[in-house]
Amino acid sequence: MLRLAVAGLTAASLTVVGHSVKGRPIVAYERGDPSAPVTLVVGVIHGSEPAGLAVIRRLRTMPLPAGVHLWLVPTDNPDGLAAGTRQNAHGVDLNRNWPVDWKHNGVPWDGYYSGPRPMSEPENRSMRAFILRVKPALTIWYHQPLDEVYGSDPHVAVLKRYARLSGLPYRKLTAPRGAATRWQRRRFPRAPAFVVEFPAGPISSATARRNAKAVLALSVP
């Protein structure tokens, strides 16, 4: 991983986590107190669901409370984001390609194509290595268009708090087979990892700000 200083961002640095199928960099921005527990926020995993980028932009520049340590990944699917496709450049749904409860599903460019095998995609292999390195105490993945916060036991209280702070409804729902959060829950069972689904389309600046504040509220020790 290549790490660089980022001009103009107080106590921030940029890390190149890995590269996509087409060679685009997957980057992560670190902010805050490096001795504090890590909060990981991923703006986009499905390239056709970009609303989370607005929250990432807020979190990259807004003042941080003491004791907060953020790692911010705008997208782990830069090829899909550039093309406006849910899938990566291999036609794989990256959120069906993680190894926990993986099941072969579909063919390339199907809506939920799982890939030929677990972790077949370079984007996911890079993110797995990154997550194992930073060991997040909390992870939030942004999606669209269901307009809800979802996840299940044992961290429902955390999810409900985020839902209350963000104004989104909470729904008790198990993540799909091969989802990133399923793998994280197995690998880090004490660390909440959940999905926030925005509605379809761009989100307002007020919504981005409210969700960024919700992230920080959950990140304070």
C-alpha atoms as a PDB file:
ATOM      1  CA  MET A   1       0.000   0.000   0.000  1.00  0.00           C
ATOM      2  CA  LEU A   2       1.287   3.450  -0.943  1.00  0.00           C
ATOM      3  CA  ARG A   3       0.732   6.176   1.620  1.00  0.00           C
ATOM      4  CA  LEU A   4       0.922   9.908   0.834  1.00  0.00           C
ATOM      5  CA  ALA A   5       0.219  13.168   2.628  1.00  0.00           C
ATOM      6  CA  VAL A   6      -2.877  14.998   1.395  1.00  0.00           C
ATOM      7  CA  ALA A   7      -2.446  18.766   1.194  1.00  0.00           C
ATOM      8  CA  GLY A   8      -5.083  20.865   2.901  1.00  0.00           C
ATOM      9  CA  LEU A   9      -6.587  18.122   5.039  1.00  0.00           C
ATOM     10  CA  THR A  10      -5.642  18.447   8.681  1.00  0.00           C
ATOM     11  CA  ALA A  11      -4.226  15.214  10.120  1.00  0.00           C
ATOM     12  CA  ALA A  12      -5.143  13.313   6.959  1.00  0.00           C
ATOM     13  CA  SER A  13      -3.265  10.974   4.682  1.00  0.00           C
ATOM     14  CA  LEU A  14      -4.099   9.001   1.587  1.00  0.00           C
ATOM     15  CA  THR A  15      -3.368   5.304   1.201  1.00  0.00           C
ATOM     16  CA  VAL A  16      -3.626   3.363  -2.045  1.00  0.00           C
ATOM     17  CA  VAL A  17      -5.320   0.186  -0.851  1.00  0.00           C
ATOM     18  CA  GLY A  18      -5.118  -1.653  -4.164  1.00  0.00           C
ATOM     19  CA  HIS A  19      -6.279  -1.477  -7.757  1.00  0.00           C
ATOM     20  CA  SER A  20      -9.350  -2.419  -9.744  1.00  0.00           C
ATOM     21  CA  VAL A  21      -9.616  -4.795 -12.684  1.00  0.00           C
ATOM     22  CA  LYS A  22      -8.770  -1.898 -15.005  1.00  0.00           C
ATOM     23  CA  GLY A  23      -5.961  -0.630 -12.807  1.00  0.00           C
ATOM     24  CA  ARG A  24      -7.770   2.282 -11.134  1.00  0.00           C
ATOM     25  CA  PRO A  25      -6.545   2.964  -7.597  1.00  0.00           C
ATOM     26  CA  ILE A  26      -8.696   2.153  -4.586  1.00  0.00           C
ATOM     27  CA  VAL A  27      -7.843   4.840  -2.056  1.00  0.00           C
ATOM     28  CA  ALA A  28      -8.490   5.403   1.636  1.00  0.00           C
ATOM     29  CA  TYR A  29      -8.177   8.619   3.632  1.00  0.00           C
ATOM     30  CA  GLU A  30      -7.138   8.490   7.287  1.00  0.00           C
ATOM     31  CA  ARG A  31      -8.145  11.235   9.695  1.00  0.00           C
ATOM     32  CA  GLY A  32      -8.107  11.793  13.418  1.00  0.00           C
ATOM     33  CA  ASP A  33      -6.393  10.107  16.326  1.00  0.00           C
ATOM     34  CA  PRO A  34      -4.398   7.093  15.115  1.00  0.00           C
ATOM     35  CA  SER A  35      -4.371   5.626  18.613  1.00  0.00           C
ATOM     36  CA  ALA A  36      -8.191   5.490  18.762  1.00  0.00           C
ATOM     37  CA  PRO A  37     -10.407   2.623  17.532  1.00  0.00           C
ATOM     38  CA  VAL A  38     -10.960   2.707  13.780  1.00  0.00           C
ATOM     39  CA  THR A  39     -14.219   3.615  12.088  1.00  0.00           C
ATOM     40  CA  LEU A  40     -14.220   2.506   8.442  1.00  0.00           C
ATOM     41  CA  VAL A  41     -16.680   4.137   6.043  1.00  0.00           C
ATOM     42  CA  VAL A  42     -17.098   2.903   2.445  1.00  0.00           C
ATOM     43  CA  GLY A  43     -18.997   5.261   0.158  1.00  0.00           C
ATOM     44  CA  VAL A  44     -19.594   3.041  -2.880  1.00  0.00           C
ATOM     45  CA  ILE A  45     -19.386  -0.701  -3.510  1.00  0.00           C
ATOM     46  CA  HIS A  46     -21.994  -0.774  -6.298  1.00  0.00           C
ATOM     47  CA  GLY A  47     -20.973   1.712  -8.966  1.00  0.00           C
ATOM     48  CA  SER A  48     -24.556   2.682  -9.772  1.00  0.00           C
ATOM     49  CA  GLU A  49     -25.166   3.683  -6.111  1.00  0.00           C
ATOM     50  CA  PRO A  50     -22.973   6.782  -5.603  1.00  0.00           C
ATOM     51  CA  ALA A  51     -24.888   8.733  -2.940  1.00  0.00           C
ATOM     52  CA  GLY A  52     -22.451   7.756  -0.190  1.00  0.00           C
ATOM     53  CA  LEU A  53     -19.733   9.842  -1.818  1.00  0.00           C
ATOM     54  CA  ALA A  54     -21.422  12.964  -0.452  1.00  0.00           C
ATOM     55  CA  VAL A  55     -21.028  11.653   3.099  1.00  0.00           C
ATOM     56  CA  ILE A  56     -17.382  10.774   2.484  1.00  0.00           C
ATOM     57  CA  ARG A  57     -16.732  14.326   1.234  1.00  0.00           C
ATOM     58  CA  ARG A  58     -18.217  15.725   4.453  1.00  0.00           C
ATOM     59  CA  LEU A  59     -16.187  13.391   6.632  1.00  0.00           C
ATOM     60  CA  ARG A  60     -12.962  14.282   4.846  1.00  0.00           C
ATOM     61  CA  THR A  61     -13.161  17.948   5.853  1.00  0.00           C
ATOM     62  CA  MET A  62     -15.453  18.480   8.844  1.00  0.00           C
ATOM     63  CA  PRO A  63     -13.992  18.971  12.355  1.00  0.00           C
ATOM     64  CA  LEU A  64     -13.573  15.730  14.278  1.00  0.00           C
ATOM     65  CA  PRO A  65     -14.310  15.198  17.973  1.00  0.00           C
ATOM     66  CA  ALA A  66     -11.437  14.096  20.174  1.00  0.00           C
ATOM     67  CA  GLY A  67     -10.770  10.380  20.134  1.00  0.00           C
ATOM     68  CA  VAL A  68     -12.131   9.721  16.637  1.00  0.00           C
ATOM     69  CA  HIS A  69     -10.112   7.747  14.077  1.00  0.00           C
ATOM     70  CA  LEU A  70     -11.558   7.501  10.563  1.00  0.00           C
ATOM     71  CA  TRP A  71     -10.581   5.530   7.500  1.00  0.00           C
ATOM     72  CA  LEU A  72     -12.647   6.736   4.535  1.00  0.00           C
ATOM     73  CA  VAL A  73     -12.863   4.738   1.284  1.00  0.00           C
ATOM     74  CA  PRO A  74     -14.793   6.678  -1.378  1.00  0.00           C
ATOM     75  CA  THR A  75     -15.241   3.528  -3.484  1.00  0.00           C
ATOM     76  CA  ASP A  76     -13.885   0.002  -3.634  1.00  0.00           C
ATOM     77  CA  ASN A  77     -15.386  -0.303  -7.130  1.00  0.00           C
ATOM     78  CA  PRO A  78     -13.820   2.537  -9.142  1.00  0.00           C
ATOM     79  CA  ASP A  79     -14.431   0.819 -12.493  1.00  0.00           C
ATOM     80  CA  GLY A  80     -18.132   0.400 -11.764  1.00  0.00           C
ATOM     81  CA  LEU A  81     -18.375   3.976 -10.504  1.00  0.00           C
ATOM     82  CA  ALA A  82     -16.739   5.302 -13.682  1.00  0.00           C
ATOM     83  CA  ALA A  83     -19.061   3.207 -15.875  1.00  0.00           C
ATOM     84  CA  GLY A  84     -22.216   3.687 -13.788  1.00  0.00           C
ATOM     85  CA  THR A  85     -22.600  -0.079 -13.361  1.00  0.00           C
ATOM     86  CA  ARG A  86     -23.490  -2.025 -10.253  1.00  0.00           C
ATOM     87  CA  GLN A  87     -20.789  -4.559 -11.062  1.00  0.00           C
ATOM     88  CA  ASN A  88     -17.036  -4.255 -11.487  1.00  0.00           C
ATOM     89  CA  ALA A  89     -15.351  -4.569 -14.891  1.00  0.00           C
ATOM     90  CA  HIS A  90     -15.660  -8.375 -14.763  1.00  0.00           C
ATOM     91  CA  GLY A  91     -19.426  -8.063 -14.369  1.00  0.00           C
ATOM     92  CA  VAL A  92     -19.279  -9.225 -10.734  1.00  0.00           C
ATOM     93  CA  ASP A  93     -21.405  -7.882  -7.902  1.00  0.00           C
ATOM     94  CA  LEU A  94     -18.640  -7.239  -5.369  1.00  0.00           C
ATOM     95  CA  ASN A  95     -21.119  -7.564  -2.507  1.00  0.00           C
ATOM     96  CA  ARG A  96     -21.830 -11.184  -3.426  1.00  0.00           C
ATOM     97  CA  ASN A  97     -18.178 -12.193  -3.811  1.00  0.00           C
ATOM     98  CA  TRP A  98     -16.966 -12.330  -0.184  1.00  0.00           C
ATOM     99  CA  PRO A  99     -16.198 -15.785   1.248  1.00  0.00           C
ATOM    100  CA  VAL A 100     -18.691 -16.170   4.116  1.00  0.00           C
ATOM    101  CA  ASP A 101     -21.788 -18.067   2.922  1.00  0.00           C
ATOM    102  CA  TRP A 102     -20.741 -17.486  -0.691  1.00  0.00           C
ATOM    103  CA  LYS A 103     -22.938 -19.203  -3.247  1.00  0.00           C
ATOM    104  CA  HIS A 104     -22.449 -19.280  -7.004  1.00  0.00           C
ATOM    105  CA  ASN A 105     -25.159 -17.188  -8.583  1.00  0.00           C
ATOM    106  CA  GLY A 106     -25.810 -15.985 -12.126  1.00  0.00           C
ATOM    107  CA  VAL A 107     -23.490 -15.097 -14.970  1.00  0.00           C
ATOM    108  CA  PRO A 108     -21.398 -11.970 -15.653  1.00  0.00           C
ATOM    109  CA  TRP A 109     -23.451  -8.762 -15.648  1.00  0.00           C
ATOM    110  CA  ASP A 110     -26.417 -10.354 -13.927  1.00  0.00           C
ATOM    111  CA  GLY A 111     -27.622  -8.062 -11.163  1.00  0.00           C
ATOM    112  CA  TYR A 112     -26.241 -10.303  -8.401  1.00  0.00           C
ATOM    113  CA  TYR A 113     -23.538 -12.308 -10.172  1.00  0.00           C
ATOM    114  CA  SER A 114     -21.342 -13.771  -7.417  1.00  0.00           C
ATOM    115  CA  GLY A 115     -18.218 -14.295  -9.503  1.00  0.00           C
ATOM    116  CA  PRO A 116     -16.711 -17.717 -10.310  1.00  0.00           C
ATOM    117  CA  ARG A 117     -15.396 -18.263  -6.762  1.00  0.00           C
ATOM    118  CA  PRO A 118     -15.141 -16.376  -3.457  1.00  0.00           C
ATOM    119  CA  MET A 119     -12.769 -13.396  -3.522  1.00  0.00           C
ATOM    120  CA  SER A 120     -12.133 -13.801  -7.237  1.00  0.00           C
ATOM    121  CA  GLU A 121     -12.029 -10.021  -7.677  1.00  0.00           C
ATOM    122  CA  PRO A 122      -8.956  -7.848  -7.071  1.00  0.00           C
ATOM    123  CA  GLU A 123     -11.035  -5.103  -5.472  1.00  0.00           C
ATOM    124  CA  ASN A 124     -12.282  -7.447  -2.748  1.00  0.00           C
ATOM    125  CA  ARG A 125      -8.893  -9.010  -2.145  1.00  0.00           C
ATOM    126  CA  SER A 126      -7.458  -5.537  -1.649  1.00  0.00           C
ATOM    127  CA  MET A 127     -10.253  -4.509   0.721  1.00  0.00           C
ATOM    128  CA  ARG A 128      -9.955  -7.723   2.727  1.00  0.00           C
ATOM    129  CA  ALA A 129      -6.222  -7.144   3.247  1.00  0.00           C
ATOM    130  CA  PHE A 130      -6.885  -3.526   4.197  1.00  0.00           C
ATOM    131  CA  ILE A 131      -9.624  -4.422   6.699  1.00  0.00           C
ATOM    132  CA  LEU A 132      -7.427  -7.085   8.283  1.00  0.00           C
ATOM    133  CA  ARG A 133      -4.694  -4.472   8.674  1.00  0.00           C
ATOM    134  CA  VAL A 134      -6.734  -1.625  10.189  1.00  0.00           C
ATOM    135  CA  LYS A 135      -9.112  -3.859  12.215  1.00  0.00           C
ATOM    136  CA  PRO A 136     -12.110  -1.511  12.313  1.00  0.00           C
ATOM    137  CA  ALA A 137     -14.176  -1.316  15.474  1.00  0.00           C
ATOM    138  CA  LEU A 138     -17.096  -0.026  13.379  1.00  0.00           C
ATOM    139  CA  THR A 139     -17.774  -0.248   9.643  1.00  0.00           C
ATOM    140  CA  ILE A 140     -20.483   1.445   7.589  1.00  0.00           C
ATOM    141  CA  TRP A 141     -21.117   0.609   3.931  1.00  0.00           C
ATOM    142  CA  TYR A 142     -23.341   2.968   1.919  1.00  0.00           C
ATOM    143  CA  HIS A 143     -25.795   1.637  -0.672  1.00  0.00           C
ATOM    144  CA  GLN A 144     -28.974   2.634  -2.496  1.00  0.00           C
ATOM    145  CA  PRO A 145     -31.997   2.669  -3.025  1.00  0.00           C
ATOM    146  CA  LEU A 146     -33.846   0.991  -0.092  1.00  0.00           C
ATOM    147  CA  ASP A 147     -33.947   4.060   2.190  1.00  0.00           C
ATOM    148  CA  GLU A 148     -33.126   2.271   5.450  1.00  0.00           C
ATOM    149  CA  VAL A 149     -30.463   1.105   7.862  1.00  0.00           C
ATOM    150  CA  TYR A 150     -30.285  -2.655   7.989  1.00  0.00           C
ATOM    151  CA  GLY A 151     -28.551  -5.424   9.867  1.00  0.00           C
ATOM    152  CA  SER A 152     -29.235  -7.912  12.631  1.00  0.00           C
ATOM    153  CA  ASP A 153     -28.040  -9.149  16.012  1.00  0.00           C
ATOM    154  CA  PRO A 154     -25.842  -8.772  18.008  1.00  0.00           C
ATOM    155  CA  HIS A 155     -25.388  -5.039  17.338  1.00  0.00           C
ATOM    156  CA  VAL A 156     -28.954  -3.893  16.765  1.00  0.00           C
ATOM    157  CA  ALA A 157     -28.675  -1.097  19.343  1.00  0.00           C
ATOM    158  CA  VAL A 158     -25.842   0.512  17.338  1.00  0.00           C
ATOM    159  CA  LEU A 159     -27.817   0.282  14.097  1.00  0.00           C
ATOM    160  CA  LYS A 160     -30.915   1.732  15.703  1.00  0.00           C
ATOM    161  CA  ARG A 161     -28.890   4.613  17.079  1.00  0.00           C
ATOM    162  CA  TYR A 162     -27.516   5.388  13.617  1.00  0.00           C
ATOM    163  CA  ALA A 163     -31.033   5.178  12.196  1.00  0.00           C
ATOM    164  CA  ARG A 164     -32.331   7.594  14.812  1.00  0.00           C
ATOM    165  CA  LEU A 165     -29.494  10.072  14.252  1.00  0.00           C
ATOM    166  CA  SER A 166     -29.728   9.913  10.447  1.00  0.00           C
ATOM    167  CA  GLY A 167     -33.526   9.938  10.208  1.00  0.00           C
ATOM    168  CA  LEU A 168     -33.608   6.666   8.261  1.00  0.00           C
ATOM    169  CA  PRO A 169     -35.797   3.753   9.380  1.00  0.00           C
ATOM    170  CA  TYR A 170     -34.165   0.643  10.815  1.00  0.00           C
ATOM    171  CA  ARG A 171     -34.964  -2.797   9.389  1.00  0.00           C
ATOM    172  CA  LYS A 172     -33.821  -6.069  10.907  1.00  0.00           C
ATOM    173  CA  LEU A 173     -32.482  -7.912   7.893  1.00  0.00           C
ATOM    174  CA  THR A 174     -29.722 -10.467   7.338  1.00  0.00           C
ATOM    175  CA  ALA A 175     -27.069  -9.515   4.807  1.00  0.00           C
ATOM    176  CA  PRO A 176     -27.078 -11.515   1.553  1.00  0.00           C
ATOM    177  CA  ARG A 177     -24.768 -14.456   0.947  1.00  0.00           C
ATOM    178  CA  GLY A 178     -21.271 -13.349   0.035  1.00  0.00           C
ATOM    179  CA  ALA A 179     -21.757  -9.824   1.408  1.00  0.00           C
ATOM    180  CA  ALA A 180     -18.856  -7.886   2.877  1.00  0.00           C
ATOM    181  CA  THR A 181     -20.660  -7.391   6.175  1.00  0.00           C
ATOM    182  CA  ARG A 182     -21.185 -11.156   6.562  1.00  0.00           C
ATOM    183  CA  TRP A 183     -17.454 -11.689   6.308  1.00  0.00           C
ATOM    184  CA  GLN A 184     -16.715  -8.847   8.733  1.00  0.00           C
ATOM    185  CA  ARG A 185     -19.209 -10.147  11.295  1.00  0.00           C
ATOM    186  CA  ARG A 186     -17.521 -13.555  11.175  1.00  0.00           C
ATOM    187  CA  ARG A 187     -13.971 -12.166  11.291  1.00  0.00           C
ATOM    188  CA  PHE A 188     -14.642  -9.388  13.852  1.00  0.00           C
ATOM    189  CA  PRO A 189     -17.721 -10.517  15.793  1.00  0.00           C
ATOM    190  CA  ARG A 190     -17.484  -7.706  18.362  1.00  0.00           C
ATOM    191  CA  ALA A 191     -17.267  -4.927  15.771  1.00  0.00           C
ATOM    192  CA  PRO A 192     -20.530  -3.676  14.224  1.00  0.00           C
ATOM    193  CA  ALA A 193     -20.520  -3.708  10.415  1.00  0.00           C
ATOM    194  CA  PHE A 194     -23.716  -2.663   8.700  1.00  0.00           C
ATOM    195  CA  VAL A 195     -25.372  -1.179   5.633  1.00  0.00           C
ATOM    196  CA  VAL A 196     -26.961   2.228   5.218  1.00  0.00           C
ATOM    197  CA  GLU A 197     -29.259   2.439   2.191  1.00  0.00           C
ATOM    198  CA  PHE A 198     -30.110   5.872   0.827  1.00  0.00           C
ATOM    199  CA  PRO A 199     -33.096   6.391  -1.476  1.00  0.00           C
ATOM    200  CA  ALA A 200     -32.529   6.493  -5.235  1.00  0.00           C
ATOM    201  CA  GLY A 201     -30.879   9.555  -6.721  1.00  0.00           C
ATOM    202  CA  PRO A 202     -28.590  12.214  -5.247  1.00  0.00           C
ATOM    203  CA  ILE A 203     -28.930  13.084  -1.581  1.00  0.00           C
ATOM    204  CA  SER A 204     -29.205  16.635  -0.275  1.00  0.00           C
ATOM    205  CA  SER A 205     -26.379  18.428   1.489  1.00  0.00           C
ATOM    206  CA  ALA A 206     -28.474  18.323   4.665  1.00  0.00           C
ATOM    207  CA  THR A 207     -28.789  14.534   4.404  1.00  0.00           C
ATOM    208  CA  ALA A 208     -25.059  14.151   3.799  1.00  0.00           C
ATOM    209  CA  ARG A 209     -24.299  16.351   6.786  1.00  0.00           C
ATOM    210  CA  ARG A 210     -26.723  14.512   9.057  1.00  0.00           C
ATOM    211  CA  ASN A 211     -25.278  11.123   8.127  1.00  0.00           C
ATOM    212  CA  ALA A 212     -21.717  12.351   8.570  1.00  0.00           C
ATOM    213  CA  LYS A 213     -22.648  13.574  12.054  1.00  0.00           C
ATOM    214  CA  ALA A 214     -24.193  10.174  12.769  1.00  0.00           C
ATOM    215  CA  VAL A 215     -20.914   8.489  11.803  1.00  0.00           C
ATOM    216  CA  LEU A 216     -18.981  10.724  14.185  1.00  0.00           C
ATOM    217  CA  ALA A 217     -21.473  10.189  17.009  1.00  0.00           C
ATOM    218  CA  LEU A 218     -20.994   6.417  16.761  1.00  0.00           C
ATOM    219  CA  SER A 219     -17.219   6.829  16.489  1.00  0.00           C
ATOM    220  CA  VAL A 220     -16.700   8.701  19.755  1.00  0.00           C
ATOM    221  CA  PRO A 221     -15.347   6.269  22.388  1.00  0.00           C
END
